[in-house]
Amino acid sequence: MSIQQDQAKSFFKGHASEWQRKAAARVYSLINDRHRAVHRTLDQYSVGSGLLDVGCGAGQLAIEAASKGYEAIGIGFAEEMISIAKKKCCRRRHPFLSSIRV
């Protein structure tokens, strides 16, 4: 793993819950811009098409896509963020969310 990857993983280990709260509250415009762009792109595909969210963080985008009927998979390397995503996914029971994993 690179130094930059180690730094990112270390950051999310200590800040995963805070990051998720801010992302869910749409505080970070870059995340919102990315989500809007992906949703615009998804609109060009039929429901049931697949989405692979690499670096999915707390799974917000994959879960949103799954709730619209897309087959979504989220992957990331920050275990704490993946843990949050799995909890959110299980609470909502999305039939189209294939997996959230490290």
PDB file of N, CA and C in Angstrom:
ATOM      1  N   MET A   1       0.856  -1.171   0.000  1.00  0.00           N
ATOM      2  CA  MET A   1       0.000   0.000   0.000  1.00  0.00           C
ATOM      3  C   MET A   1       0.907   1.241   0.000  1.00  0.00           C
ATOM      4  N   SER A   2       0.501   2.263  -0.751  1.00  0.00           N
ATOM      5  CA  SER A   2       1.303   3.479  -0.831  1.00  0.00           C
ATOM      6  C   SER A   2       1.147   4.312   0.445  1.00  0.00           C
ATOM      7  N   ILE A   3       2.014   5.283   0.609  1.00  0.00           N
ATOM      8  CA  ILE A   3       1.936   6.187   1.765  1.00  0.00           C
ATOM      9  C   ILE A   3       0.605   6.931   1.752  1.00  0.00           C
ATOM     10  N   GLN A   4       0.198   7.377   0.573  1.00  0.00           N
ATOM     11  CA  GLN A   4      -1.075   8.101   0.455  1.00  0.00           C
ATOM     12  C   GLN A   4      -2.255   7.206   0.830  1.00  0.00           C
ATOM     13  N   GLN A   5      -2.231   5.960   0.410  1.00  0.00           N
ATOM     14  CA  GLN A   5      -3.309   5.035   0.770  1.00  0.00           C
ATOM     15  C   GLN A   5      -3.324   4.782   2.274  1.00  0.00           C
ATOM     16  N   ASP A   6      -2.144   4.626   2.867  1.00  0.00           N
ATOM     17  CA  ASP A   6      -2.059   4.448   4.322  1.00  0.00           C
ATOM     18  C   ASP A   6      -2.630   5.652   5.055  1.00  0.00           C
ATOM     19  N   GLN A   7      -2.318   6.848   4.565  1.00  0.00           N
ATOM     20  CA  GLN A   7      -2.837   8.068   5.195  1.00  0.00           C
ATOM     21  C   GLN A   7      -4.358   8.139   5.084  1.00  0.00           C
ATOM     22  N   ALA A   8      -4.901   7.818   3.922  1.00  0.00           N
ATOM     23  CA  ALA A   8      -6.358   7.851   3.739  1.00  0.00           C
ATOM     24  C   ALA A   8      -7.035   6.824   4.639  1.00  0.00           C
ATOM     25  N   LYS A   9      -6.484   5.626   4.689  1.00  0.00           N
ATOM     26  CA  LYS A   9      -7.060   4.571   5.524  1.00  0.00           C
ATOM     27  C   LYS A   9      -7.016   4.968   6.991  1.00  0.00           C
ATOM     28  N   SER A  10      -5.915   5.550   7.412  1.00  0.00           N
ATOM     29  CA  SER A  10      -5.772   6.004   8.799  1.00  0.00           C
ATOM     30  C   SER A  10      -6.781   7.108   9.111  1.00  0.00           C
ATOM     31  N   PHE A  11      -6.969   8.032   8.193  1.00  0.00           N
ATOM     32  CA  PHE A  11      -7.927   9.116   8.398  1.00  0.00           C
ATOM     33  C   PHE A  11      -9.332   8.556   8.606  1.00  0.00           C
ATOM     34  N   PHE A  12      -9.765   7.683   7.699  1.00  0.00           N
ATOM     35  CA  PHE A  12     -11.132   7.159   7.788  1.00  0.00           C
ATOM     36  C   PHE A  12     -11.320   6.257   8.996  1.00  0.00           C
ATOM     37  N   LYS A  13     -10.247   5.644   9.469  1.00  0.00           N
ATOM     38  CA  LYS A  13     -10.363   4.813  10.659  1.00  0.00           C
ATOM     39  C   LYS A  13     -10.828   5.649  11.846  1.00  0.00           C
ATOM     40  N   GLY A  14     -10.364   6.865  11.935  1.00  0.00           N
ATOM     41  CA  GLY A  14     -10.732   7.729  13.050  1.00  0.00           C
ATOM     42  C   GLY A  14     -11.885   8.672  12.790  1.00  0.00           C
ATOM     43  N   HIS A  15     -12.298   8.811  11.521  1.00  0.00           N
ATOM     44  CA  HIS A  15     -13.302   9.817  11.175  1.00  0.00           C
ATOM     45  C   HIS A  15     -14.467   9.279  10.353  1.00  0.00           C
ATOM     46  N   ALA A  16     -14.647   7.975  10.299  1.00  0.00           N
ATOM     47  CA  ALA A  16     -15.672   7.395   9.435  1.00  0.00           C
ATOM     48  C   ALA A  16     -17.073   7.901   9.766  1.00  0.00           C
ATOM     49  N   SER A  17     -17.441   7.913  11.028  1.00  0.00           N
ATOM     50  CA  SER A  17     -18.798   8.347  11.400  1.00  0.00           C
ATOM     51  C   SER A  17     -19.031   9.811  11.079  1.00  0.00           C
ATOM     52  N   GLU A  18     -18.037  10.638  11.368  1.00  0.00           N
ATOM     53  CA  GLU A  18     -18.152  12.073  11.076  1.00  0.00           C
ATOM     54  C   GLU A  18     -18.293  12.298   9.567  1.00  0.00           C
ATOM     55  N   TRP A  19     -17.479  11.599   8.788  1.00  0.00           N
ATOM     56  CA  TRP A  19     -17.517  11.726   7.327  1.00  0.00           C
ATOM     57  C   TRP A  19     -18.887  11.310   6.803  1.00  0.00           C
ATOM     58  N   GLN A  20     -19.430  10.211   7.325  1.00  0.00           N
ATOM     59  CA  GLN A  20     -20.738   9.739   6.887  1.00  0.00           C
ATOM     60  C   GLN A  20     -21.823  10.755   7.210  1.00  0.00           C
ATOM     61  N   ARG A  21     -21.795  11.341   8.411  1.00  0.00           N
ATOM     62  CA  ARG A  21     -22.813  12.345   8.769  1.00  0.00           C
ATOM     63  C   ARG A  21     -22.772  13.516   7.799  1.00  0.00           C
ATOM     64  N   LYS A  22     -21.577  13.984   7.483  1.00  0.00           N
ATOM     65  CA  LYS A  22     -21.448  15.123   6.575  1.00  0.00           C
ATOM     66  C   LYS A  22     -21.855  14.755   5.150  1.00  0.00           C
ATOM     67  N   ALA A  23     -21.507  13.557   4.725  1.00  0.00           N
ATOM     68  CA  ALA A  23     -21.874  13.126   3.375  1.00  0.00           C
ATOM     69  C   ALA A  23     -23.382  12.970   3.267  1.00  0.00           C
ATOM     70  N   ALA A  24     -24.008  12.377   4.276  1.00  0.00           N
ATOM     71  CA  ALA A  24     -25.459  12.178   4.256  1.00  0.00           C
ATOM     72  C   ALA A  24     -26.201  13.510   4.310  1.00  0.00           C
ATOM     73  N   ALA A  25     -25.619  14.483   5.013  1.00  0.00           N
ATOM     74  CA  ALA A  25     -26.235  15.807   5.115  1.00  0.00           C
ATOM     75  C   ALA A  25     -25.919  16.670   3.889  1.00  0.00           C
ATOM     76  N   ARG A  26     -25.177  16.099   2.956  1.00  0.00           N
ATOM     77  CA  ARG A  26     -24.799  16.776   1.710  1.00  0.00           C
ATOM     78  C   ARG A  26     -23.999  18.054   1.958  1.00  0.00           C
ATOM     79  N   VAL A  27     -23.076  17.965   2.927  1.00  0.00           N
ATOM     80  CA  VAL A  27     -22.224  19.091   3.258  1.00  0.00           C
ATOM     81  C   VAL A  27     -21.129  19.276   2.213  1.00  0.00           C
ATOM     82  N   TYR A  28     -20.618  18.190   1.679  1.00  0.00           N
ATOM     83  CA  TYR A  28     -19.501  18.265   0.743  1.00  0.00           C
ATOM     84  C   TYR A  28     -20.012  18.355  -0.686  1.00  0.00           C
ATOM     85  N   SER A  29     -19.816  19.479  -1.335  1.00  0.00           N
ATOM     86  CA  SER A  29     -20.348  19.671  -2.684  1.00  0.00           C
ATOM     87  C   SER A  29     -19.681  18.745  -3.694  1.00  0.00           C
ATOM     88  N   LEU A  30     -18.421  18.388  -3.495  1.00  0.00           N
ATOM     89  CA  LEU A  30     -17.746  17.497  -4.433  1.00  0.00           C
ATOM     90  C   LEU A  30     -18.430  16.128  -4.462  1.00  0.00           C
ATOM     91  N   ILE A  31     -18.786  15.621  -3.299  1.00  0.00           N
ATOM     92  CA  ILE A  31     -19.502  14.346  -3.238  1.00  0.00           C
ATOM     93  C   ILE A  31     -20.863  14.485  -3.902  1.00  0.00           C
ATOM     94  N   ASN A  32     -21.573  15.549  -3.600  1.00  0.00           N
ATOM     95  CA  ASN A  32     -22.887  15.769  -4.205  1.00  0.00           C
ATOM     96  C   ASN A  32     -22.788  15.908  -5.717  1.00  0.00           C
ATOM     97  N   ASP A  33     -21.770  16.637  -6.172  1.00  0.00           N
ATOM     98  CA  ASP A  33     -21.573  16.801  -7.614  1.00  0.00           C
ATOM     99  C   ASP A  33     -21.326  15.449  -8.280  1.00  0.00           C
ATOM    100  N   ARG A  34     -20.510  14.621  -7.645  1.00  0.00           N
ATOM    101  CA  ARG A  34     -20.221  13.282  -8.172  1.00  0.00           C
ATOM    102  C   ARG A  34     -21.498  12.451  -8.220  1.00  0.00           C
ATOM    103  N   HIS A  35     -22.265  12.474  -7.156  1.00  0.00           N
ATOM    104  CA  HIS A  35     -23.499  11.690  -7.112  1.00  0.00           C
ATOM    105  C   HIS A  35     -24.478  12.152  -8.193  1.00  0.00           C
ATOM    106  N   ARG A  36     -24.635  13.452  -8.339  1.00  0.00           N
ATOM    107  CA  ARG A  36     -25.545  13.971  -9.372  1.00  0.00           C
ATOM    108  C   ARG A  36     -25.097  13.533 -10.764  1.00  0.00           C
ATOM    109  N   ALA A  37     -23.787  13.601 -11.015  1.00  0.00           N
ATOM    110  CA  ALA A  37     -23.264  13.208 -12.324  1.00  0.00           C
ATOM    111  C   ALA A  37     -23.505  11.719 -12.583  1.00  0.00           C
ATOM    112  N   VAL A  38     -23.290  10.895 -11.571  1.00  0.00           N
ATOM    113  CA  VAL A  38     -23.521   9.454 -11.739  1.00  0.00           C
ATOM    114  C   VAL A  38     -25.000   9.181 -11.956  1.00  0.00           C
ATOM    115  N   HIS A  39     -25.872   9.847 -11.203  1.00  0.00           N
ATOM    116  CA  HIS A  39     -27.313   9.633 -11.383  1.00  0.00           C
ATOM    117  C   HIS A  39     -27.774  10.084 -12.773  1.00  0.00           C
ATOM    118  N   ARG A  40     -27.212  11.180 -13.280  1.00  0.00           N
ATOM    119  CA  ARG A  40     -27.549  11.617 -14.640  1.00  0.00           C
ATOM    120  C   ARG A  40     -27.127  10.552 -15.649  1.00  0.00           C
ATOM    121  N   THR A  41     -25.959   9.972 -15.429  1.00  0.00           N
ATOM    122  CA  THR A  41     -25.473   8.916 -16.323  1.00  0.00           C
ATOM    123  C   THR A  41     -26.342   7.676 -16.202  1.00  0.00           C
ATOM    124  N   LEU A  42     -26.696   7.294 -14.967  1.00  0.00           N
ATOM    125  CA  LEU A  42     -27.553   6.122 -14.764  1.00  0.00           C
ATOM    126  C   LEU A  42     -28.895   6.277 -15.470  1.00  0.00           C
ATOM    127  N   ASP A  43     -29.396   7.498 -15.528  1.00  0.00           N
ATOM    128  CA  ASP A  43     -30.688   7.744 -16.185  1.00  0.00           C
ATOM    129  C   ASP A  43     -30.671   7.350 -17.660  1.00  0.00           C
ATOM    130  N   GLN A  44     -29.479   7.231 -18.232  1.00  0.00           N
ATOM    131  CA  GLN A  44     -29.356   6.838 -19.633  1.00  0.00           C
ATOM    132  C   GLN A  44     -29.440   5.318 -19.807  1.00  0.00           C
ATOM    133  N   TYR A  45     -29.451   4.579 -18.694  1.00  0.00           N
ATOM    134  CA  TYR A  45     -29.486   3.119 -18.730  1.00  0.00           C
ATOM    135  C   TYR A  45     -30.793   2.619 -18.133  1.00  0.00           C
ATOM    136  N   SER A  46     -31.184   1.442 -18.542  1.00  0.00           N
ATOM    137  CA  SER A  46     -32.436   0.889 -18.025  1.00  0.00           C
ATOM    138  C   SER A  46     -32.258   0.430 -16.580  1.00  0.00           C
ATOM    139  N   VAL A  47     -33.352   0.506 -15.840  1.00  0.00           N
ATOM    140  CA  VAL A  47     -33.362   0.019 -14.464  1.00  0.00           C
ATOM    141  C   VAL A  47     -32.973  -1.452 -14.511  1.00  0.00           C
ATOM    142  N   GLY A  48     -32.167  -1.859 -13.560  1.00  0.00           N
ATOM    143  CA  GLY A  48     -31.649  -3.220 -13.539  1.00  0.00           C
ATOM    144  C   GLY A  48     -30.223  -3.296 -14.048  1.00  0.00           C
ATOM    145  N   SER A  49     -29.765  -2.218 -14.702  1.00  0.00           N
ATOM    146  CA  SER A  49     -28.374  -2.161 -15.140  1.00  0.00           C
ATOM    147  C   SER A  49     -27.474  -2.094 -13.919  1.00  0.00           C
ATOM    148  N   GLY A  50     -26.195  -2.343 -14.115  1.00  0.00           N
ATOM    149  CA  GLY A  50     -25.265  -2.410 -13.000  1.00  0.00           C
ATOM    150  C   GLY A  50     -24.502  -1.131 -12.741  1.00  0.00           C
ATOM    151  N   LEU A  51     -24.143  -0.957 -11.466  1.00  0.00           N
ATOM    152  CA  LEU A  51     -23.280   0.147 -11.031  1.00  0.00           C
ATOM    153  C   LEU A  51     -22.231  -0.438 -10.109  1.00  0.00           C
ATOM    154  N   LEU A  52     -20.965  -0.176 -10.405  1.00  0.00           N
ATOM    155  CA  LEU A  52     -19.876  -0.533  -9.520  1.00  0.00           C
ATOM    156  C   LEU A  52     -19.317   0.763  -8.963  1.00  0.00           C
ATOM    157  N   ASP A  53     -19.465   0.974  -7.667  1.00  0.00           N
ATOM    158  CA  ASP A  53     -18.970   2.184  -7.010  1.00  0.00           C
ATOM    159  C   ASP A  53     -17.647   1.842  -6.326  1.00  0.00           C
ATOM    160  N   VAL A  54     -16.552   2.191  -6.969  1.00  0.00           N
ATOM    161  CA  VAL A  54     -15.218   1.928  -6.440  1.00  0.00           C
ATOM    162  C   VAL A  54     -14.836   3.089  -5.535  1.00  0.00           C
ATOM    163  N   GLY A  55     -14.428   2.769  -4.316  1.00  0.00           N
ATOM    164  CA  GLY A  55     -14.173   3.808  -3.332  1.00  0.00           C
ATOM    165  C   GLY A  55     -15.489   4.327  -2.792  1.00  0.00           C
ATOM    166  N   CYS A  56     -16.384   3.404  -2.461  1.00  0.00           N
ATOM    167  CA  CYS A  56     -17.776   3.751  -2.148  1.00  0.00           C
ATOM    168  C   CYS A  56     -17.962   4.462  -0.814  1.00  0.00           C
ATOM    169  N   GLY A  57     -16.922   4.552  -0.004  1.00  0.00           N
ATOM    170  CA  GLY A  57     -17.070   5.230   1.281  1.00  0.00           C
ATOM    171  C   GLY A  57     -18.130   4.558   2.117  1.00  0.00           C
ATOM    172  N   ALA A  58     -19.122   5.310   2.556  1.00  0.00           N
ATOM    173  CA  ALA A  58     -20.200   4.761   3.390  1.00  0.00           C
ATOM    174  C   ALA A  58     -21.366   4.247   2.550  1.00  0.00           C
ATOM    175  N   GLY A  59     -21.158   4.082   1.252  1.00  0.00           N
ATOM    176  CA  GLY A  59     -22.133   3.425   0.401  1.00  0.00           C
ATOM    177  C   GLY A  59     -23.305   4.252  -0.087  1.00  0.00           C
ATOM    178  N   GLN A  60     -23.280   5.543   0.150  1.00  0.00           N
ATOM    179  CA  GLN A  60     -24.435   6.381  -0.178  1.00  0.00           C
ATOM    180  C   GLN A  60     -24.859   6.250  -1.641  1.00  0.00           C
ATOM    181  N   LEU A  61     -23.911   6.349  -2.554  1.00  0.00           N
ATOM    182  CA  LEU A  61     -24.241   6.302  -3.977  1.00  0.00           C
ATOM    183  C   LEU A  61     -24.770   4.926  -4.379  1.00  0.00           C
ATOM    184  N   ALA A  62     -24.119   3.861  -3.941  1.00  0.00           N
ATOM    185  CA  ALA A  62     -24.574   2.514  -4.282  1.00  0.00           C
ATOM    186  C   ALA A  62     -25.969   2.254  -3.717  1.00  0.00           C
ATOM    187  N   ILE A  63     -26.216   2.698  -2.504  1.00  0.00           N
ATOM    188  CA  ILE A  63     -27.527   2.497  -1.892  1.00  0.00           C
ATOM    189  C   ILE A  63     -28.593   3.312  -2.621  1.00  0.00           C
ATOM    190  N   GLU A  64     -28.273   4.548  -3.002  1.00  0.00           N
ATOM    191  CA  GLU A  64     -29.223   5.369  -3.761  1.00  0.00           C
ATOM    192  C   GLU A  64     -29.548   4.708  -5.101  1.00  0.00           C
ATOM    193  N   ALA A  65     -28.516   4.203  -5.786  1.00  0.00           N
ATOM    194  CA  ALA A  65     -28.738   3.548  -7.080  1.00  0.00           C
ATOM    195  C   ALA A  65     -29.587   2.291  -6.900  1.00  0.00           C
ATOM    196  N   ALA A  66     -29.301   1.532  -5.858  1.00  0.00           N
ATOM    197  CA  ALA A  66     -30.076   0.316  -5.596  1.00  0.00           C
ATOM    198  C   ALA A  66     -31.536   0.647  -5.307  1.00  0.00           C
ATOM    199  N   SER A  67     -31.757   1.752  -4.610  1.00  0.00           N
ATOM    200  CA  SER A  67     -33.144   2.119  -4.296  1.00  0.00           C
ATOM    201  C   SER A  67     -33.919   2.513  -5.548  1.00  0.00           C
ATOM    202  N   LYS A  68     -33.200   2.872  -6.615  1.00  0.00           N
ATOM    203  CA  LYS A  68     -33.848   3.189  -7.895  1.00  0.00           C
ATOM    204  C   LYS A  68     -33.986   1.949  -8.778  1.00  0.00           C
ATOM    205  N   GLY A  69     -33.483   0.806  -8.294  1.00  0.00           N
ATOM    206  CA  GLY A  69     -33.638  -0.428  -9.048  1.00  0.00           C
ATOM    207  C   GLY A  69     -32.429  -0.866  -9.847  1.00  0.00           C
ATOM    208  N   TYR A  70     -31.301  -0.196  -9.683  1.00  0.00           N
ATOM    209  CA  TYR A  70     -30.078  -0.610 -10.364  1.00  0.00           C
ATOM    210  C   TYR A  70     -29.366  -1.669  -9.534  1.00  0.00           C
ATOM    211  N   GLU A  71     -28.679  -2.578 -10.196  1.00  0.00           N
ATOM    212  CA  GLU A  71     -27.875  -3.593  -9.520  1.00  0.00           C
ATOM    213  C   GLU A  71     -26.578  -2.912  -9.098  1.00  0.00           C
ATOM    214  N   ALA A  72     -26.396  -2.687  -7.819  1.00  0.00           N
ATOM    215  CA  ALA A  72     -25.279  -1.877  -7.334  1.00  0.00           C
ATOM    216  C   ALA A  72     -24.322  -2.695  -6.477  1.00  0.00           C
ATOM    217  N   ILE A  73     -23.043  -2.431  -6.673  1.00  0.00           N
ATOM    218  CA  ILE A  73     -21.989  -3.014  -5.846  1.00  0.00           C
ATOM    219  C   ILE A  73     -21.087  -1.872  -5.415  1.00  0.00           C
ATOM    220  N   GLY A  74     -20.796  -1.802  -4.129  1.00  0.00           N
ATOM    221  CA  GLY A  74     -19.875  -0.803  -3.606  1.00  0.00           C
ATOM    222  C   GLY A  74     -18.663  -1.494  -3.010  1.00  0.00           C
ATOM    223  N   ILE A  75     -17.470  -1.013  -3.358  1.00  0.00           N
ATOM    224  CA  ILE A  75     -16.249  -1.555  -2.772  1.00  0.00           C
ATOM    225  C   ILE A  75     -15.370  -0.413  -2.294  1.00  0.00           C
ATOM    226  N   GLY A  76     -14.602  -0.664  -1.264  1.00  0.00           N
ATOM    227  CA  GLY A  76     -13.680   0.327  -0.738  1.00  0.00           C
ATOM    228  C   GLY A  76     -12.686  -0.345   0.183  1.00  0.00           C
ATOM    229  N   PHE A  77     -11.655   0.394   0.594  1.00  0.00           N
ATOM    230  CA  PHE A  77     -10.638  -0.223   1.428  1.00  0.00           C
ATOM    231  C   PHE A  77     -10.662   0.276   2.870  1.00  0.00           C
ATOM    232  N   ALA A  78     -11.516   1.227   3.197  1.00  0.00           N
ATOM    233  CA  ALA A  78     -11.610   1.738   4.568  1.00  0.00           C
ATOM    234  C   ALA A  78     -12.670   0.922   5.314  1.00  0.00           C
ATOM    235  N   GLU A  79     -12.206  -0.016   6.143  1.00  0.00           N
ATOM    236  CA  GLU A  79     -13.110  -0.952   6.808  1.00  0.00           C
ATOM    237  C   GLU A  79     -14.211  -0.259   7.600  1.00  0.00           C
ATOM    238  N   GLU A  80     -13.890   0.836   8.257  1.00  0.00           N
ATOM    239  CA  GLU A  80     -14.884   1.541   9.066  1.00  0.00           C
ATOM    240  C   GLU A  80     -15.992   2.118   8.199  1.00  0.00           C
ATOM    241  N   MET A  81     -15.632   2.625   7.025  1.00  0.00           N
ATOM    242  CA  MET A  81     -16.640   3.163   6.112  1.00  0.00           C
ATOM    243  C   MET A  81     -17.510   2.032   5.556  1.00  0.00           C
ATOM    244  N   ILE A  82     -16.890   0.915   5.232  1.00  0.00           N
ATOM    245  CA  ILE A  82     -17.638  -0.233   4.726  1.00  0.00           C
ATOM    246  C   ILE A  82     -18.598  -0.742   5.800  1.00  0.00           C
ATOM    247  N   SER A  83     -18.159  -0.722   7.046  1.00  0.00           N
ATOM    248  CA  SER A  83     -19.020  -1.150   8.155  1.00  0.00           C
ATOM    249  C   SER A  83     -20.274  -0.278   8.233  1.00  0.00           C
ATOM    250  N   ILE A  84     -20.111   1.030   8.092  1.00  0.00           N
ATOM    251  CA  ILE A  84     -21.254   1.951   8.087  1.00  0.00           C
ATOM    252  C   ILE A  84     -22.166   1.633   6.906  1.00  0.00           C
ATOM    253  N   ALA A  85     -21.576   1.413   5.744  1.00  0.00           N
ATOM    254  CA  ALA A  85     -22.366   1.107   4.546  1.00  0.00           C
ATOM    255  C   ALA A  85     -23.174  -0.169   4.732  1.00  0.00           C
ATOM    256  N   LYS A  86     -22.564  -1.185   5.305  1.00  0.00           N
ATOM    257  CA  LYS A  86     -23.271  -2.452   5.515  1.00  0.00           C
ATOM    258  C   LYS A  86     -24.441  -2.266   6.477  1.00  0.00           C
ATOM    259  N   LYS A  87     -24.251  -1.483   7.520  1.00  0.00           N
ATOM    260  CA  LYS A  87     -25.337  -1.236   8.474  1.00  0.00           C
ATOM    261  C   LYS A  87     -26.495  -0.514   7.783  1.00  0.00           C
ATOM    262  N   LYS A  88     -26.172   0.506   6.985  1.00  0.00           N
ATOM    263  CA  LYS A  88     -27.223   1.245   6.271  1.00  0.00           C
ATOM    264  C   LYS A  88     -27.934   0.337   5.279  1.00  0.00           C
ATOM    265  N   CYS A  89     -27.175  -0.478   4.597  1.00  0.00           N
ATOM    266  CA  CYS A  89     -27.720  -1.393   3.595  1.00  0.00           C
ATOM    267  C   CYS A  89     -28.663  -2.395   4.246  1.00  0.00           C
ATOM    268  N   CYS A  90     -28.263  -2.958   5.339  1.00  0.00           N
ATOM    269  CA  CYS A  90     -29.103  -3.957   6.029  1.00  0.00           C
ATOM    270  C   CYS A  90     -30.382  -3.337   6.564  1.00  0.00           C
ATOM    271  N   ARG A  91     -30.302  -2.123   7.076  1.00  0.00           N
ATOM    272  CA  ARG A  91     -31.502  -1.458   7.602  1.00  0.00           C
ATOM    273  C   ARG A  91     -32.515  -1.212   6.504  1.00  0.00           C
ATOM    274  N   ARG A  92     -32.028  -0.905   5.314  1.00  0.00           N
ATOM    275  CA  ARG A  92     -32.936  -0.551   4.214  1.00  0.00           C
ATOM    276  C   ARG A  92     -33.333  -1.750   3.359  1.00  0.00           C
ATOM    277  N   ARG A  93     -32.612  -2.837   3.474  1.00  0.00           N
ATOM    278  CA  ARG A  93     -32.908  -4.082   2.757  1.00  0.00           C
ATOM    279  C   ARG A  93     -33.124  -3.870   1.268  1.00  0.00           C
ATOM    280  N   HIS A  94     -32.126  -3.354   0.610  1.00  0.00           N
ATOM    281  CA  HIS A  94     -32.224  -3.116  -0.826  1.00  0.00           C
ATOM    282  C   HIS A  94     -32.035  -4.419  -1.591  1.00  0.00           C
ATOM    283  N   PRO A  95     -33.037  -4.828  -2.353  1.00  0.00           N
ATOM    284  CA  PRO A  95     -32.906  -6.082  -3.086  1.00  0.00           C
ATOM    285  C   PRO A  95     -31.892  -5.993  -4.228  1.00  0.00           C
ATOM    286  N   PHE A  96     -31.571  -4.799  -4.675  1.00  0.00           N
ATOM    287  CA  PHE A  96     -30.674  -4.670  -5.814  1.00  0.00           C
ATOM    288  C   PHE A  96     -29.232  -4.391  -5.410  1.00  0.00           C
ATOM    289  N   LEU A  97     -28.961  -4.231  -4.141  1.00  0.00           N
ATOM    290  CA  LEU A  97     -27.598  -3.965  -3.685  1.00  0.00           C
ATOM    291  C   LEU A  97     -26.914  -5.297  -3.469  1.00  0.00           C
ATOM    292  N   SER A  98     -26.056  -5.657  -4.402  1.00  0.00           N
ATOM    293  CA  SER A  98     -25.406  -6.967  -4.373  1.00  0.00           C
ATOM    294  C   SER A  98     -24.465  -7.098  -3.183  1.00  0.00           C
ATOM    295  N   SER A  99     -23.616  -6.128  -2.998  1.00  0.00           N
ATOM    296  CA  SER A  99     -22.681  -6.238  -1.887  1.00  0.00           C
ATOM    297  C   SER A  99     -21.975  -4.921  -1.634  1.00  0.00           C
ATOM    298  N   ILE A 100     -21.547  -4.789  -0.413  1.00  0.00           N
ATOM    299  CA  ILE A 100     -20.662  -3.709   0.003  1.00  0.00           C
ATOM    300  C   ILE A 100     -19.486  -4.438   0.658  1.00  0.00           C
ATOM    301  N   ARG A 101     -18.298  -4.256   0.135  1.00  0.00           N
ATOM    302  CA  ARG A 101     -17.189  -5.022   0.688  1.00  0.00           C
ATOM    303  C   ARG A 101     -15.857  -4.290   0.572  1.00  0.00           C
ATOM    304  N   VAL A 102     -14.927  -4.765   1.375  1.00  0.00           N
ATOM    305  CA  VAL A 102     -13.562  -4.237   1.376  1.00  0.00           C
ATOM    306  C   VAL A 102     -12.815  -4.915   0.248  1.00  0.00           C
TER     307      VAL A 102
END
